[in-house]
Protein backbone atom coordinates (compact mmCIF):
# COMPACT_ATOMS: atom_id res chain seq x y z
CA TYR A 1 0.19 -0.25 -0.26
CA PRO A 2 -0.17 2.46 -1.78
CA ASN A 3 -0.13 0.94 -5.20
CA PRO A 4 0.71 2.23 -7.58
CA PHE A 5 3.49 4.46 -5.42
CA ASN A 6 6.19 6.86 -5.55
CA PRO A 7 8.89 6.47 -4.44
CA ALA A 8 7.99 4.32 -1.03
CA THR A 9 5.53 1.52 -0.22
CA LYS A 10 4.46 -0.73 2.46
CA ILE A 11 3.91 -4.13 2.50
CA ARG A 12 1.49 -5.89 4.84
CA PHE A 13 1.74 -9.45 5.86
CA ALA A 14 0.34 -11.77 8.54
CA ILE A 15 2.57 -15.03 9.21
CA PRO A 16 0.31 -17.74 10.74
CA SER A 17 3.12 -19.63 12.74
CA SER A 18 6.76 -18.89 13.62
CA GLY A 19 8.99 -19.85 11.17
CA ASN A 20 11.70 -18.52 8.51
CA VAL A 21 10.29 -15.64 5.89
CA LYS A 22 11.94 -14.39 3.04
CA LEU A 23 10.32 -11.27 1.32
CA THR A 24 11.75 -10.55 -1.92
CA VAL A 25 11.38 -7.55 -4.42
CA PHE A 26 11.88 -8.70 -8.07
CA ASN A 27 11.73 -6.49 -11.42
CA GLU A 28 10.06 -7.79 -14.28
CA LEU A 29 12.95 -9.79 -15.88
CA GLY A 30 12.60 -11.95 -12.45
CA GLN A 31 15.78 -10.55 -10.89
CA THR A 32 15.97 -9.78 -7.53
CA VAL A 33 16.37 -5.96 -6.56
CA ALA A 34 15.82 -6.16 -2.58
CA GLN A 35 15.89 -8.63 -0.25
CA LEU A 36 13.81 -7.10 2.79
CA VAL A 37 13.19 -9.82 4.98
CA ASP A 38 15.11 -12.95 5.42
CA GLY A 39 15.02 -14.90 8.79
CA PHE A 40 12.95 -15.87 11.84
CA LEU A 41 9.95 -14.23 12.48
CA ASN A 42 7.22 -15.27 15.02
CA ASN A 43 3.35 -15.37 14.35
CA GLY A 44 1.69 -12.29 13.77
CA SER A 45 1.48 -8.86 11.42
CA TYR A 46 3.95 -7.05 9.93
CA GLU A 47 4.55 -4.12 7.87
CA VAL A 48 7.94 -3.67 5.74
CA ASP A 49 8.76 -0.44 4.02
CA TRP A 50 10.12 -0.58 0.60
CA ASN A 51 12.08 2.60 -1.11
CA ALA A 52 12.43 2.35 -4.57
CA GLY A 53 13.57 5.95 -4.87
CA SER A 54 16.82 4.64 -7.04
CA PHE A 55 14.72 2.27 -9.14
CA SER A 56 13.08 3.26 -12.29
CA SER A 57 9.48 3.44 -12.90
CA GLY A 58 8.01 0.09 -14.05
CA VAL A 59 6.36 -3.01 -12.69
CA TYR A 60 7.82 -5.15 -9.72
CA TYR A 61 6.65 -8.14 -7.81
CA TYR A 62 7.23 -9.25 -4.23
CA LYS A 63 7.43 -12.52 -3.18
CA LEU A 64 6.34 -13.70 0.53
CA GLU A 65 8.23 -17.62 1.63
CA SER A 66 7.12 -18.71 4.85
CA GLY A 67 6.90 -22.37 5.40
CA GLU A 68 4.83 -24.04 2.32
CA PHE A 69 3.24 -21.06 1.65
CA VAL A 70 4.56 -18.59 -1.07
CA GLU A 71 2.56 -15.48 -2.66
CA THR A 72 3.60 -13.26 -5.37
CA LYS A 73 2.32 -9.72 -5.49
CA LYS A 74 2.43 -7.10 -8.32
CA MET A 75 3.30 -3.47 -7.42
CA ILE A 76 3.64 -0.92 -9.94
CA LEU A 77 6.50 2.39 -9.46
CA ASN A 78 5.12 5.33 -10.99
CA LYS A 79 7.22 8.14 -10.84
């Protein structure tokens, strides 16, 4: 939130059980541009800020991985 954004956004997510979590941002080519979370988190709700001020306008994706759960969502950077 917000989406589209300029130049920063907040990624909100909830983890139902404690465990290792990865939150990665990719560009349209599938290249990793940011690793926002990579470690153990307790169950609960989280909010992570991503400032894309040094990136060009376009479509980006974030992938949340937690145990067996994997979710990918689209973000639009509009400068």
